[in-house]
Amino acid sequence: MQALLNTIRAIVVQEVRRVLSAQGPAKRYGNVVQWDPKKHAAKVRIQPEGIVTNWIPVSSEFIGNGFGVVAALGADDQVEIHWPEDGINEASITRRLFDARNAVPDWAQNAQPGEYYLGDKAGSLLSMTLDGKFTLAGKAEIDLVGAPTINVGDGNATVINVGTAGSVTLNMGASGATVNIVGGSGDVKVNGVSLVNHTHSGVASGAGNTGAPNKS
């Protein structure tokens, strides 16, 4: 009797796989109900039935042990759920889609083929556009660890623009730290005063002080 039941079960499974295989990989759409950042998984309300799933892992383009790309899901985000292997195995969330409740951001509505935009909810934006610009907008903070080296392209002047009410501060964390500016016959100028070649007014022998540096 058990052998007969096993045979019937095998026939049913085989037939289900055949039907699902003819339909292609199973996929459905739904909206996120809950997100677990530690599991990188979400619960989804399948549409239009309204059935809420258990935890489903969310795929990522780049993952590994202790590294990878993570973009958290939010409530009501529309996602695509995929069941590989003819729908027999565990599902995964493979894609996210813009919709009426999650519209394409204003800054991306004129995006051209070949351009890339990455923005967060707070308004920070990274973009690579067809004019060759790599732009980072927002309250940027760049933390460099170790002994980093920053190389600036040669052949053209490099300009750093600071807002009219802004300021640039260089904090030297270590006691006795030194800033070295080296290379060729270059110079550093501040408000027209040369660091390398400036002269002073009011020069006189003795212990007195000179005047302020002259502008070049």
Protein backbone atom coordinates (compact mmCIF):
# COMPACT_ATOMS: atom_id res chain seq x y z
CA MET A 1 0.00 0.00 0.00
CA GLN A 2 2.80 2.41 0.92
CA ALA A 3 4.57 1.63 -2.35
CA LEU A 4 1.40 2.53 -4.26
CA LEU A 5 1.06 5.84 -2.39
CA ASN A 6 4.72 6.67 -3.13
CA THR A 7 4.14 5.93 -6.82
CA ILE A 8 1.04 8.14 -6.92
CA ARG A 9 2.91 10.93 -5.10
CA ALA A 10 5.80 10.73 -7.58
CA ILE A 11 3.40 10.89 -10.53
CA VAL A 12 1.64 13.95 -9.05
CA VAL A 13 4.94 15.74 -8.39
CA GLN A 14 6.16 14.96 -11.88
CA GLU A 15 2.94 16.30 -13.41
CA VAL A 16 3.07 19.49 -11.32
CA ARG A 17 6.66 20.07 -12.43
CA ARG A 18 5.68 19.50 -16.05
CA VAL A 19 2.86 22.05 -15.88
CA LEU A 20 4.95 24.63 -14.05
CA SER A 21 7.85 24.08 -16.42
CA ALA A 22 5.59 24.83 -19.38
CA GLN A 23 4.55 28.08 -17.72
CA GLY A 24 8.14 29.13 -17.00
CA PRO A 25 9.60 30.12 -13.61
CA ALA A 26 6.86 31.14 -11.20
CA LYS A 27 6.80 34.79 -10.14
CA ARG A 28 4.35 37.03 -8.36
CA TYR A 29 4.17 40.65 -7.27
CA GLY A 30 3.42 42.09 -3.87
CA ASN A 31 4.12 44.84 -1.35
CA VAL A 32 6.52 44.66 1.56
CA VAL A 33 4.92 44.28 4.98
CA GLN A 34 8.02 43.87 7.14
CA TRP A 35 11.80 44.05 6.68
CA ASP A 36 14.50 42.28 8.72
CA PRO A 37 17.95 43.85 8.13
CA LYS A 38 19.79 41.07 9.96
CA LYS A 39 18.30 38.37 7.74
CA HIS A 40 18.20 40.61 4.64
CA ALA A 41 14.67 39.25 4.22
CA ALA A 42 11.12 40.57 4.03
CA LYS A 43 7.52 39.53 4.48
CA VAL A 44 5.37 40.40 1.47
CA ARG A 45 1.62 40.75 0.89
CA ILE A 46 0.94 38.93 -2.38
CA GLN A 47 -1.37 40.83 -4.73
CA PRO A 48 -4.22 40.66 -5.47
CA GLU A 49 -5.01 37.90 -2.93
CA GLY A 50 -3.60 39.83 0.04
CA ILE A 51 -1.85 36.75 1.47
CA VAL A 52 1.20 37.58 3.64
CA THR A 53 4.23 35.36 3.14
CA ASN A 54 6.76 34.15 5.65
CA TRP A 55 10.29 35.62 5.55
CA ILE A 56 11.66 35.65 1.99
CA PRO A 57 15.36 36.36 1.31
CA VAL A 58 16.13 39.41 -0.81
CA SER A 59 18.68 38.97 -3.60
CA SER A 60 21.63 41.33 -4.01
CA GLU A 61 23.97 42.02 -6.91
CA PHE A 62 27.07 41.66 -4.72
CA ILE A 63 27.37 39.57 -1.56
CA GLY A 64 29.95 37.70 0.49
CA ASN A 65 30.96 36.87 4.05
CA GLY A 66 31.04 40.27 5.76
CA PHE A 67 30.67 42.41 2.63
CA GLY A 68 28.17 43.21 -0.12
CA VAL A 69 25.57 45.68 -1.37
CA VAL A 70 22.60 46.29 0.94
CA ALA A 71 19.54 48.42 0.16
CA ALA A 72 16.84 48.09 2.80
CA LEU A 73 13.21 47.55 1.82
CA GLY A 74 10.46 49.76 3.21
CA ALA A 75 6.79 49.20 3.93
CA ASP A 76 4.65 49.11 0.75
CA ASP A 77 7.66 48.79 -1.58
CA GLN A 78 6.54 46.80 -4.63
CA VAL A 79 8.67 43.72 -5.29
CA GLU A 80 8.83 40.72 -7.60
CA ILE A 81 8.98 37.29 -5.97
CA HIS A 82 10.56 34.46 -7.91
CA TRP A 83 10.25 30.70 -7.36
CA PRO A 84 13.10 28.91 -9.17
CA GLU A 85 13.19 25.25 -10.17
CA ASP A 86 9.59 25.23 -11.42
CA GLY A 87 8.26 26.76 -8.25
CA ILE A 88 9.24 23.85 -6.03
CA ASN A 89 12.05 25.47 -4.03
CA GLU A 90 12.14 28.44 -1.67
CA ALA A 91 11.23 31.83 -3.11
CA SER A 92 13.41 34.93 -3.26
CA ILE A 93 12.73 38.62 -3.86
CA THR A 94 14.58 39.40 -7.06
CA ARG A 95 13.50 42.88 -8.11
CA ARG A 96 11.87 46.08 -6.89
CA LEU A 97 9.53 48.22 -8.96
CA PHE A 98 8.42 51.84 -8.87
CA ASP A 99 4.66 52.33 -8.71
CA ALA A 100 2.04 54.96 -7.84
CA ARG A 101 2.94 54.86 -4.14
CA ASN A 102 6.69 54.74 -4.81
CA ALA A 103 7.16 57.10 -7.75
CA VAL A 104 10.37 57.64 -9.70
CA PRO A 105 12.30 60.44 -7.89
CA ASP A 106 12.27 63.90 -9.49
CA TRP A 107 16.05 63.85 -9.96
CA ALA A 108 15.84 60.66 -12.06
CA GLN A 109 12.91 61.49 -14.33
CA ASN A 110 15.20 62.89 -17.03
CA ALA A 111 17.82 60.12 -16.79
CA GLN A 112 19.37 59.21 -20.12
CA PRO A 113 20.58 55.78 -21.30
CA GLY A 114 24.12 55.29 -20.02
CA GLU A 115 23.62 57.44 -16.90
CA TYR A 116 23.51 56.21 -13.30
CA TYR A 117 21.77 57.74 -10.29
CA LEU A 118 21.77 56.61 -6.66
CA GLY A 119 19.81 58.58 -4.10
CA ASP A 120 18.55 58.04 -0.57
CA LYS A 121 15.42 59.20 1.21
CA ALA A 122 17.25 62.09 2.94
CA GLY A 123 18.16 63.66 -0.41
CA SER A 124 21.79 62.62 -0.82
CA LEU A 125 22.53 61.86 -4.47
CA LEU A 126 25.36 60.24 -6.40
CA SER A 127 25.21 60.56 -10.17
CA MET A 128 27.32 59.69 -13.21
CA THR A 129 26.11 61.58 -16.27
CA LEU A 130 26.87 61.65 -19.98
CA ASP A 131 28.85 64.89 -19.67
CA GLY A 132 31.52 62.89 -17.84
CA LYS A 133 30.69 64.25 -14.39
CA PHE A 134 30.70 62.20 -11.21
CA THR A 135 28.60 64.22 -8.76
CA LEU A 136 28.00 63.71 -5.04
CA ALA A 137 25.34 66.00 -3.58
CA GLY A 138 24.24 66.15 0.04
CA LYS A 139 25.85 66.44 3.45
CA ALA A 140 28.87 64.40 2.44
CA GLU A 141 31.26 62.96 4.99
CA ILE A 142 34.17 60.94 3.68
CA ASP A 143 36.05 58.84 6.23
CA LEU A 144 39.42 57.56 5.02
CA VAL A 145 41.25 55.03 7.20
CA GLY A 146 44.83 53.80 7.13
CA ALA A 147 47.23 55.89 5.05
CA PRO A 148 45.09 56.92 2.06
CA THR A 149 46.43 58.52 -1.11
CA ILE A 150 44.27 60.84 -3.22
CA ASN A 151 45.43 61.34 -6.79
CA VAL A 152 44.15 64.36 -8.72
CA GLY A 153 44.30 64.27 -12.52
CA ASP A 154 47.14 66.17 -14.14
CA GLY A 155 47.14 68.59 -17.03
CA ASN A 156 44.37 70.89 -15.78
CA ALA A 157 43.77 73.16 -12.82
CA THR A 158 41.77 71.71 -9.95
CA VAL A 159 39.21 74.07 -8.41
CA ILE A 160 37.45 73.61 -5.07
CA ASN A 161 34.52 75.99 -4.65
CA VAL A 162 33.39 76.84 -1.11
CA GLY A 163 30.11 78.66 -0.52
CA THR A 164 30.20 82.34 0.44
CA ALA A 165 29.33 81.50 4.04
CA GLY A 166 31.37 78.32 4.13
CA SER A 167 34.80 77.48 5.50
CA VAL A 168 37.34 74.70 5.15
CA THR A 169 38.95 73.34 8.30
CA LEU A 170 41.86 70.92 8.49
CA ASN A 171 41.99 69.22 11.88
CA MET A 172 45.26 67.50 12.74
CA GLY A 173 44.33 64.71 15.12
CA ALA A 174 47.79 63.58 16.19
CA SER A 175 50.10 65.72 18.29
CA GLY A 176 53.00 66.90 16.18
CA ALA A 177 51.32 65.94 12.91
CA THR A 178 52.68 67.68 9.83
CA VAL A 179 51.16 68.71 6.54
CA ASN A 180 53.68 68.41 3.70
CA ILE A 181 53.06 70.04 0.32
CA VAL A 182 55.71 68.86 -2.13
CA GLY A 183 56.32 68.67 -5.83
CA GLY A 184 57.98 70.57 -8.64
CA SER A 185 57.92 74.36 -8.64
CA GLY A 186 54.34 74.63 -7.40
CA ASP A 187 53.05 77.08 -4.85
CA VAL A 188 50.18 77.59 -2.42
CA LYS A 189 48.44 80.96 -2.42
CA VAL A 190 45.89 82.28 0.07
CA ASN A 191 44.06 85.47 -0.92
CA GLY A 192 46.95 86.36 -3.25
CA VAL A 193 49.72 85.65 -0.72
CA SER A 194 52.32 83.10 -1.86
CA LEU A 195 53.38 80.54 0.70
CA VAL A 196 56.66 79.90 -1.14
CA ASN A 197 57.67 83.30 -2.53
CA HIS A 198 55.96 85.93 -0.39
CA THR A 199 57.80 88.96 0.96
CA HIS A 200 57.09 91.19 3.94
CA SER A 201 56.73 94.91 4.32
CA GLY A 202 58.19 96.91 7.18
CA VAL A 203 61.37 94.84 7.40
CA ALA A 204 63.90 96.22 9.89
CA SER A 205 66.80 94.75 11.78
CA GLY A 206 66.41 93.93 15.43
CA ALA A 207 63.77 92.12 17.44
CA GLY A 208 60.75 93.87 15.93
CA ASN A 209 58.06 92.21 13.84
CA THR A 210 57.59 92.71 10.10
CA GLY A 211 54.41 93.79 8.47
CA ALA A 212 51.91 91.39 6.94
CA PRO A 213 53.00 89.34 3.90
CA ASN A 214 52.78 91.10 0.56
CA LYS A 215 50.43 89.83 -2.10
CA SER A 216 52.11 88.60 -5.26
